[in-house]
PDB file of all heavy atoms in Angstrom:
ATOM      1  N   ALA A   1     -46.005 119.134  73.393  1.00  0.00           N
ATOM      2  CA  ALA A   1     -45.730 120.571  73.455  1.00  0.00           C
ATOM      3  C   ALA A   1     -46.982 121.380  73.760  1.00  0.00           C
ATOM      4  O   ALA A   1     -46.899 122.448  74.378  1.00  0.00           O
ATOM      5  CB  ALA A   1     -45.105 121.045  72.145  1.00  0.00           C
ATOM      6  N   VAL A   2     -48.148 120.885  73.318  1.00  0.00           N
ATOM      7  CA  VAL A   2     -49.392 121.621  73.583  1.00  0.00           C
ATOM      8  C   VAL A   2     -50.071 121.147  74.859  1.00  0.00           C
ATOM      9  O   VAL A   2     -51.225 121.485  75.134  1.00  0.00           O
ATOM     10  CB  VAL A   2     -50.363 121.520  72.385  1.00  0.00           C
ATOM     11  CG1 VAL A   2     -49.755 122.156  71.151  1.00  0.00           C
ATOM     12  CG2 VAL A   2     -50.776 120.071  72.099  1.00  0.00           C
ATOM     13  N   GLY A   3     -49.347 120.355  75.675  1.00  0.00           N
ATOM     14  CA  GLY A   3     -49.835 120.006  77.000  1.00  0.00           C
ATOM     15  C   GLY A   3     -50.600 118.712  77.114  1.00  0.00           C
ATOM     16  O   GLY A   3     -51.185 118.432  78.165  1.00  0.00           O
ATOM     17  N   LEU A   4     -50.613 117.903  76.075  1.00  0.00           N
ATOM     18  CA  LEU A   4     -51.340 116.637  76.133  1.00  0.00           C
ATOM     19  C   LEU A   4     -50.452 115.541  76.703  1.00  0.00           C
ATOM     20  O   LEU A   4     -49.227 115.540  76.523  1.00  0.00           O
ATOM     21  CB  LEU A   4     -51.830 116.242  74.737  1.00  0.00           C
ATOM     22  CG  LEU A   4     -52.741 117.256  74.039  1.00  0.00           C
ATOM     23  CD1 LEU A   4     -53.135 116.752  72.657  1.00  0.00           C
ATOM     24  CD2 LEU A   4     -53.983 117.546  74.874  1.00  0.00           C
ATOM     25  N   THR A   5     -51.081 114.576  77.356  1.00  0.00           N
ATOM     26  CA  THR A   5     -50.344 113.467  77.955  1.00  0.00           C
ATOM     27  C   THR A   5     -51.134 112.177  77.791  1.00  0.00           C
ATOM     28  O   THR A   5     -52.318 112.193  77.447  1.00  0.00           O
ATOM     29  CB  THR A   5     -50.094 113.707  79.458  1.00  0.00           C
ATOM     30  OG1 THR A   5     -51.374 113.869  80.121  1.00  0.00           O
ATOM     31  CG2 THR A   5     -49.248 114.949  79.693  1.00  0.00           C
ATOM     32  N   GLY A   6     -50.466 111.061  78.045  1.00  0.00           N
ATOM     33  CA  GLY A   6     -51.136 109.770  78.090  1.00  0.00           C
ATOM     34  C   GLY A   6     -51.872 109.402  76.814  1.00  0.00           C
ATOM     35  O   GLY A   6     -51.449 109.733  75.705  1.00  0.00           O
ATOM     36  N   PRO A   7     -53.026 108.721  76.960  1.00  0.00           N
ATOM     37  CA  PRO A   7     -53.790 108.267  75.793  1.00  0.00           C
ATOM     38  C   PRO A   7     -54.237 109.413  74.873  1.00  0.00           C
ATOM     39  O   PRO A   7     -54.281 109.246  73.652  1.00  0.00           O
ATOM     40  CB  PRO A   7     -54.998 107.558  76.425  1.00  0.00           C
ATOM     41  CG  PRO A   7     -54.544 107.150  77.778  1.00  0.00           C
ATOM     42  CD  PRO A   7     -53.615 108.236  78.230  1.00  0.00           C
ATOM     43  N   VAL A   8     -54.556 110.563  75.453  1.00  0.00           N
ATOM     44  CA  VAL A   8     -54.991 111.699  74.630  1.00  0.00           C
ATOM     45  C   VAL A   8     -53.849 112.168  73.741  1.00  0.00           C
ATOM     46  O   VAL A   8     -54.051 112.487  72.562  1.00  0.00           O
ATOM     47  CB  VAL A   8     -55.498 112.855  75.516  1.00  0.00           C
ATOM     48  CG1 VAL A   8     -55.785 114.088  74.673  1.00  0.00           C
ATOM     49  CG2 VAL A   8     -56.745 112.427  76.274  1.00  0.00           C
ATOM     50  N   ALA A   9     -52.635 112.203  74.260  1.00  0.00           N
ATOM     51  CA  ALA A   9     -51.475 112.600  73.462  1.00  0.00           C
ATOM     52  C   ALA A   9     -51.262 111.621  72.314  1.00  0.00           C
ATOM     53  O   ALA A   9     -50.939 112.031  71.184  1.00  0.00           O
ATOM     54  CB  ALA A   9     -50.224 112.678  74.334  1.00  0.00           C
ATOM     55  N   ARG A  10     -51.443 110.330  72.590  1.00  0.00           N
ATOM     56  CA  ARG A  10     -51.268 109.335  71.535  1.00  0.00           C
ATOM     57  C   ARG A  10     -52.339 109.498  70.453  1.00  0.00           C
ATOM     58  O   ARG A  10     -52.052 109.392  69.260  1.00  0.00           O
ATOM     59  CB  ARG A  10     -51.307 107.929  72.128  1.00  0.00           C
ATOM     60  CG  ARG A  10     -50.070 107.592  72.962  1.00  0.00           C
ATOM     61  CD  ARG A  10     -49.985 106.110  73.275  1.00  0.00           C
ATOM     62  NE  ARG A  10     -51.049 105.689  74.210  1.00  0.00           N
ATOM     63  CZ  ARG A  10     -50.932 105.739  75.522  1.00  0.00           C
ATOM     64  NH1 ARG A  10     -49.804 106.196  76.082  1.00  0.00           N
ATOM     65  NH2 ARG A  10     -51.919 105.321  76.304  1.00  0.00           N
ATOM     66  N   LYS A  11     -53.580 109.770  70.859  1.00  0.00           N
ATOM     67  CA  LYS A  11     -54.644 110.002  69.876  1.00  0.00           C
ATOM     68  C   LYS A  11     -54.362 111.248  69.037  1.00  0.00           C
ATOM     69  O   LYS A  11     -54.567 111.252  67.821  1.00  0.00           O
ATOM     70  CB  LYS A  11     -55.986 110.145  70.591  1.00  0.00           C
ATOM     71  CG  LYS A  11     -56.516 108.869  71.217  1.00  0.00           C
ATOM     72  CD  LYS A  11     -57.834 109.124  71.928  1.00  0.00           C
ATOM     73  CE  LYS A  11     -58.361 107.857  72.593  1.00  0.00           C
ATOM     74  NZ  LYS A  11     -59.653 108.117  73.315  1.00  0.00           N
ATOM     75  N   ALA A  12     -53.904 112.295  69.693  1.00  0.00           N
ATOM     76  CA  ALA A  12     -53.608 113.531  68.974  1.00  0.00           C
ATOM     77  C   ALA A  12     -52.471 113.324  67.990  1.00  0.00           C
ATOM     78  O   ALA A  12     -52.508 113.816  66.853  1.00  0.00           O
ATOM     79  CB  ALA A  12     -53.255 114.640  69.960  1.00  0.00           C
ATOM     80  N   ALA A  13     -51.442 112.580  68.396  1.00  0.00           N
ATOM     81  CA  ALA A  13     -50.317 112.314  67.504  1.00  0.00           C
ATOM     82  C   ALA A  13     -50.760 111.513  66.282  1.00  0.00           C
ATOM     83  O   ALA A  13     -50.334 111.794  65.149  1.00  0.00           O
ATOM     84  CB  ALA A  13     -49.217 111.570  68.259  1.00  0.00           C
ATOM     85  N   ALA A  14     -51.622 110.524  66.498  1.00  0.00           N
ATOM     86  CA  ALA A  14     -52.135 109.733  65.376  1.00  0.00           C
ATOM     87  C   ALA A  14     -52.952 110.611  64.432  1.00  0.00           C
ATOM     88  O   ALA A  14     -52.856 110.481  63.203  1.00  0.00           O
ATOM     89  CB  ALA A  14     -52.977 108.576  65.902  1.00  0.00           C
ATOM     90  N   LEU A  15     -53.746 111.514  64.997  1.00  0.00           N
ATOM     91  CA  LEU A  15     -54.527 112.425  64.169  1.00  0.00           C
ATOM     92  C   LEU A  15     -53.622 113.326  63.349  1.00  0.00           C
ATOM     93  O   LEU A  15     -53.878 113.561  62.154  1.00  0.00           O
ATOM     94  CB  LEU A  15     -55.464 113.258  65.047  1.00  0.00           C
ATOM     95  CG  LEU A  15     -56.368 114.265  64.334  1.00  0.00           C
ATOM     96  CD1 LEU A  15     -57.741 114.345  64.982  1.00  0.00           C
ATOM     97  CD2 LEU A  15     -55.728 115.661  64.310  1.00  0.00           C
ATOM     98  N   MET A  16     -52.561 113.822  63.959  1.00  0.00           N
ATOM     99  CA  MET A  16     -51.625 114.682  63.228  1.00  0.00           C
ATOM    100  C   MET A  16     -51.020 113.955  62.043  1.00  0.00           C
ATOM    101  O   MET A  16     -50.881 114.519  60.946  1.00  0.00           O
ATOM    102  CB  MET A  16     -50.523 115.170  64.172  1.00  0.00           C
ATOM    103  CG  MET A  16     -51.002 116.136  65.234  1.00  0.00           C
ATOM    104  SD  MET A  16     -49.679 116.530  66.420  1.00  0.00           S
ATOM    105  CE  MET A  16     -50.572 117.487  67.635  1.00  0.00           C
ATOM    106  N   GLN A  17     -50.659 112.686  62.237  1.00  0.00           N
ATOM    107  CA  GLN A  17     -50.106 111.919  61.130  1.00  0.00           C
ATOM    108  C   GLN A  17     -51.145 111.712  60.028  1.00  0.00           C
ATOM    109  O   GLN A  17     -50.819 111.749  58.836  1.00  0.00           O
ATOM    110  CB  GLN A  17     -49.578 110.575  61.628  1.00  0.00           C
ATOM    111  CG  GLN A  17     -48.298 110.696  62.453  1.00  0.00           C
ATOM    112  CD  GLN A  17     -47.707 109.354  62.801  1.00  0.00           C
ATOM    113  OE1 GLN A  17     -48.228 108.636  63.655  1.00  0.00           O
ATOM    114  NE2 GLN A  17     -46.617 108.985  62.130  1.00  0.00           N
ATOM    115  N   SER A  18     -52.401 111.521  60.417  1.00  0.00           N
ATOM    116  CA  SER A  18     -53.465 111.370  59.425  1.00  0.00           C
ATOM    117  C   SER A  18     -53.670 112.659  58.639  1.00  0.00           C
ATOM    118  O   SER A  18     -53.886 112.635  57.427  1.00  0.00           O
ATOM    119  CB  SER A  18     -54.771 110.960  60.120  1.00  0.00           C
ATOM    120  OG  SER A  18     -54.662 109.679  60.705  1.00  0.00           O
ATOM    121  N   VAL A  19     -53.605 113.793  59.325  1.00  0.00           N
ATOM    122  CA  VAL A  19     -53.748 115.081  58.648  1.00  0.00           C
ATOM    123  C   VAL A  19     -52.620 115.269  57.633  1.00  0.00           C
ATOM    124  O   VAL A  19     -52.846 115.744  56.506  1.00  0.00           O
ATOM    125  CB  VAL A  19     -53.765 116.239  59.667  1.00  0.00           C
ATOM    126  CG1 VAL A  19     -53.646 117.590  58.970  1.00  0.00           C
ATOM    127  CG2 VAL A  19     -55.038 116.185  60.496  1.00  0.00           C
ATOM    128  N   ALA A  20     -51.406 114.897  58.007  1.00  0.00           N
ATOM    129  CA  ALA A  20     -50.283 114.996  57.089  1.00  0.00           C
ATOM    130  C   ALA A  20     -50.487 114.101  55.873  1.00  0.00           C
ATOM    131  O   ALA A  20     -50.123 114.458  54.747  1.00  0.00           O
ATOM    132  CB  ALA A  20     -48.983 114.637  57.806  1.00  0.00           C
ATOM    133  N   THR A  21     -51.082 112.931  56.090  1.00  0.00           N
ATOM    134  CA  THR A  21     -51.388 112.023  54.980  1.00  0.00           C
ATOM    135  C   THR A  21     -52.402 112.646  54.031  1.00  0.00           C
ATOM    136  O   THR A  21     -52.252 112.583  52.809  1.00  0.00           O
ATOM    137  CB  THR A  21     -51.923 110.689  55.520  1.00  0.00           C
ATOM    138  OG1 THR A  21     -50.931 110.076  56.341  1.00  0.00           O
ATOM    139  CG2 THR A  21     -52.278 109.746  54.369  1.00  0.00           C
ATOM    140  N   VAL A  22     -53.436 113.264  54.590  1.00  0.00           N
ATOM    141  CA  VAL A  22     -54.446 113.932  53.768  1.00  0.00           C
ATOM    142  C   VAL A  22     -53.805 115.049  52.951  1.00  0.00           C
ATOM    143  O   VAL A  22     -54.084 115.216  51.764  1.00  0.00           O
ATOM    144  CB  VAL A  22     -55.573 114.506  54.649  1.00  0.00           C
ATOM    145  CG1 VAL A  22     -56.592 115.273  53.788  1.00  0.00           C
ATOM    146  CG2 VAL A  22     -56.271 113.399  55.412  1.00  0.00           C
ATOM    147  N   PHE A  23     -52.973 115.832  53.600  1.00  0.00           N
ATOM    148  CA  PHE A  23     -52.311 116.971  52.946  1.00  0.00           C
ATOM    149  C   PHE A  23     -51.618 116.529  51.664  1.00  0.00           C
ATOM    150  O   PHE A  23     -51.735 117.170  50.612  1.00  0.00           O
ATOM    151  CB  PHE A  23     -51.306 117.580  53.924  1.00  0.00           C
ATOM    152  CG  PHE A  23     -50.721 118.895  53.480  1.00  0.00           C
ATOM    153  CD1 PHE A  23     -51.386 120.077  53.730  1.00  0.00           C
ATOM    154  CD2 PHE A  23     -49.488 118.944  52.834  1.00  0.00           C
ATOM    155  CE1 PHE A  23     -50.840 121.304  53.343  1.00  0.00           C
ATOM    156  CE2 PHE A  23     -48.940 120.153  52.439  1.00  0.00           C
ATOM    157  CZ  PHE A  23     -49.621 121.338  52.696  1.00  0.00           C
ATOM    158  N   HIS A  24     -50.916 115.414  51.743  1.00  0.00           N
ATOM    159  CA  HIS A  24     -50.202 114.890  50.577  1.00  0.00           C
ATOM    160  C   HIS A  24     -51.167 114.256  49.580  1.00  0.00           C
ATOM    161  O   HIS A  24     -51.040 114.449  48.366  1.00  0.00           O
ATOM    162  CB  HIS A  24     -49.167 113.860  51.026  1.00  0.00           C
ATOM    163  CG  HIS A  24     -48.449 113.182  49.901  1.00  0.00           C
ATOM    164  ND1 HIS A  24     -47.443 113.789  49.186  1.00  0.00           N
ATOM    165  CD2 HIS A  24     -48.620 111.948  49.351  1.00  0.00           C
ATOM    166  CE1 HIS A  24     -47.013 112.964  48.247  1.00  0.00           C
ATOM    167  NE2 HIS A  24     -47.703 111.838  48.329  1.00  0.00           N
ATOM    168  N   ALA A  25     -52.157 113.529  50.080  1.00  0.00           N
ATOM    169  CA  ALA A  25     -53.043 112.756  49.207  1.00  0.00           C
ATOM    170  C   ALA A  25     -53.924 113.629  48.322  1.00  0.00           C
ATOM    171  O   ALA A  25     -54.280 113.227  47.215  1.00  0.00           O
ATOM    172  CB  ALA A  25     -53.922 111.834  50.056  1.00  0.00           C
ATOM    173  N   VAL A  26     -54.283 114.825  48.809  1.00  0.00           N
ATOM    174  CA  VAL A  26     -55.188 115.688  48.031  1.00  0.00           C
ATOM    175  C   VAL A  26     -54.469 116.895  47.444  1.00  0.00           C
ATOM    176  O   VAL A  26     -55.113 117.772  46.875  1.00  0.00           O
ATOM    177  CB  VAL A  26     -56.388 116.151  48.887  1.00  0.00           C
ATOM    178  CG1 VAL A  26     -57.161 114.963  49.421  1.00  0.00           C
ATOM    179  CG2 VAL A  26     -55.961 117.077  50.020  1.00  0.00           C
ATOM    180  N   ASP A  27     -53.140 116.945  47.553  1.00  0.00           N
ATOM    181  CA  ASP A  27     -52.365 118.088  47.070  1.00  0.00           C
ATOM    182  C   ASP A  27     -52.886 119.391  47.677  1.00  0.00           C
ATOM    183  O   ASP A  27     -53.178 120.365  46.976  1.00  0.00           O
ATOM    184  CB  ASP A  27     -52.409 118.175  45.542  1.00  0.00           C
ATOM    185  CG  ASP A  27     -51.571 117.107  44.878  1.00  0.00           C
ATOM    186  OD1 ASP A  27     -50.406 116.950  45.287  1.00  0.00           O
ATOM    187  OD2 ASP A  27     -52.067 116.432  43.965  1.00  0.00           O
ATOM    188  N   ALA A  28     -52.996 119.402  48.995  1.00  0.00           N
ATOM    189  CA  ALA A  28     -53.462 120.609  49.684  1.00  0.00           C
ATOM    190  C   ALA A  28     -52.329 121.621  49.803  1.00  0.00           C
ATOM    191  O   ALA A  28     -51.145 121.263  49.819  1.00  0.00           O
ATOM    192  CB  ALA A  28     -53.989 120.257  51.071  1.00  0.00           C
ATOM    193  N   SER A  29     -52.702 122.879  49.859  1.00  0.00           N
ATOM    194  CA  SER A  29     -51.729 123.926  50.171  1.00  0.00           C
ATOM    195  C   SER A  29     -51.940 124.440  51.592  1.00  0.00           C
ATOM    196  O   SER A  29     -51.074 125.113  52.141  1.00  0.00           O
ATOM    197  CB  SER A  29     -51.835 125.081  49.174  1.00  0.00           C
ATOM    198  OG  SER A  29     -53.150 125.612  49.149  1.00  0.00           O
ATOM    199  N   LEU A  30     -53.084 124.110  52.181  1.00  0.00           N
ATOM    200  CA  LEU A  30     -53.374 124.508  53.564  1.00  0.00           C
ATOM    201  C   LEU A  30     -54.415 123.579  54.167  1.00  0.00           C
ATOM    202  O   LEU A  30     -55.422 123.267  53.527  1.00  0.00           O
ATOM    203  CB  LEU A  30     -53.913 125.941  53.603  1.00  0.00           C
ATOM    204  CG  LEU A  30     -54.470 126.422  54.952  1.00  0.00           C
ATOM    205  CD1 LEU A  30     -53.340 126.611  55.961  1.00  0.00           C
ATOM    206  CD2 LEU A  30     -55.263 127.710  54.796  1.00  0.00           C
ATOM    207  N   ILE A  31     -54.152 123.117  55.376  1.00  0.00           N
ATOM    208  CA  ILE A  31     -55.165 122.478  56.212  1.00  0.00           C
ATOM    209  C   ILE A  31     -55.074 123.140  57.576  1.00  0.00           C
ATOM    210  O   ILE A  31     -54.012 123.141  58.203  1.00  0.00           O
ATOM    211  CB  ILE A  31     -54.966 120.960  56.344  1.00  0.00           C
ATOM    212  CG1 ILE A  31     -55.135 120.268  54.990  1.00  0.00           C
ATOM    213  CG2 ILE A  31     -55.963 120.385  57.357  1.00  0.00           C
ATOM    214  CD1 ILE A  31     -54.948 118.756  55.043  1.00  0.00           C
ATOM    215  N   GLU A  32     -56.171 123.687  58.021  1.00  0.00           N
ATOM    216  CA  GLU A  32     -56.196 124.372  59.312  1.00  0.00           C
ATOM    217  C   GLU A  32     -57.384 123.856  60.110  1.00  0.00           C
ATOM    218  O   GLU A  32     -58.517 123.890  59.636  1.00  0.00           O
ATOM    219  CB  GLU A  32     -56.307 125.884  59.114  1.00  0.00           C
ATOM    220  CG  GLU A  32     -56.126 126.686  60.391  1.00  0.00           C
ATOM    221  CD  GLU A  32     -56.084 128.179  60.114  1.00  0.00           C
ATOM    222  OE1 GLU A  32     -57.025 128.690  59.487  1.00  0.00           O
ATOM    223  OE2 GLU A  32     -55.106 128.829  60.520  1.00  0.00           O
ATOM    224  N   ILE A  33     -57.101 123.380  61.316  1.00  0.00           N
ATOM    225  CA  ILE A  33     -58.135 122.879  62.223  1.00  0.00           C
ATOM    226  C   ILE A  33     -58.124 123.764  63.458  1.00  0.00           C
ATOM    227  O   ILE A  33     -57.209 123.683  64.275  1.00  0.00           O
ATOM    228  CB  ILE A  33     -57.882 121.404  62.599  1.00  0.00           C
ATOM    229  CG1 ILE A  33     -57.868 120.527  61.339  1.00  0.00           C
ATOM    230  CG2 ILE A  33     -58.944 120.918  63.578  1.00  0.00           C
ATOM    231  CD1 ILE A  33     -57.471 119.084  61.601  1.00  0.00           C
ATOM    232  N   ASN A  34     -59.126 124.598  63.577  1.00  0.00           N
ATOM    233  CA  ASN A  34     -59.177 125.558  64.679  1.00  0.00           C
ATOM    234  C   ASN A  34     -60.630 125.799  65.099  1.00  0.00           C
ATOM    235  O   ASN A  34     -61.338 126.552  64.461  1.00  0.00           O
ATOM    236  CB  ASN A  34     -58.536 126.879  64.258  1.00  0.00           C
ATOM    237  CG  ASN A  34     -58.351 127.827  65.432  1.00  0.00           C
ATOM    238  OD1 ASN A  34     -58.317 127.399  66.578  1.00  0.00           O
ATOM    239  ND2 ASN A  34     -58.239 129.117  65.141  1.00  0.00           N
ATOM    240  N   PRO A  35     -61.060 125.099  66.164  1.00  0.00           N
ATOM    241  CA  PRO A  35     -60.200 124.340  67.074  1.00  0.00           C
ATOM    242  C   PRO A  35     -60.162 122.839  66.782  1.00  0.00           C
ATOM    243  O   PRO A  35     -61.093 122.271  66.218  1.00  0.00           O
ATOM    244  CB  PRO A  35     -60.861 124.579  68.421  1.00  0.00           C
ATOM    245  CG  PRO A  35     -62.331 124.661  68.089  1.00  0.00           C
ATOM    246  CD  PRO A  35     -62.395 125.336  66.737  1.00  0.00           C
ATOM    247  N   LEU A  36     -59.068 122.253  67.216  1.00  0.00           N
ATOM    248  CA  LEU A  36     -58.964 120.808  67.401  1.00  0.00           C
ATOM    249  C   LEU A  36     -59.328 120.584  68.864  1.00  0.00           C
ATOM    250  O   LEU A  36     -58.710 121.179  69.747  1.00  0.00           O
ATOM    251  CB  LEU A  36     -57.541 120.350  67.121  1.00  0.00           C
ATOM    252  CG  LEU A  36     -57.225 118.871  67.364  1.00  0.00           C
ATOM    253  CD1 LEU A  36     -57.907 118.008  66.332  1.00  0.00           C
ATOM    254  CD2 LEU A  36     -55.710 118.643  67.336  1.00  0.00           C
TER     255      LEU A  36
END
């Protein structure tokens, strides 16, 4: 949706899943990455 394709899209998707894991693991209420 943000315009990524190929290997970069796969890396970004893996990073997103890792961020979601962190969010749960540390009981976060906000994680903001700007810019990624």
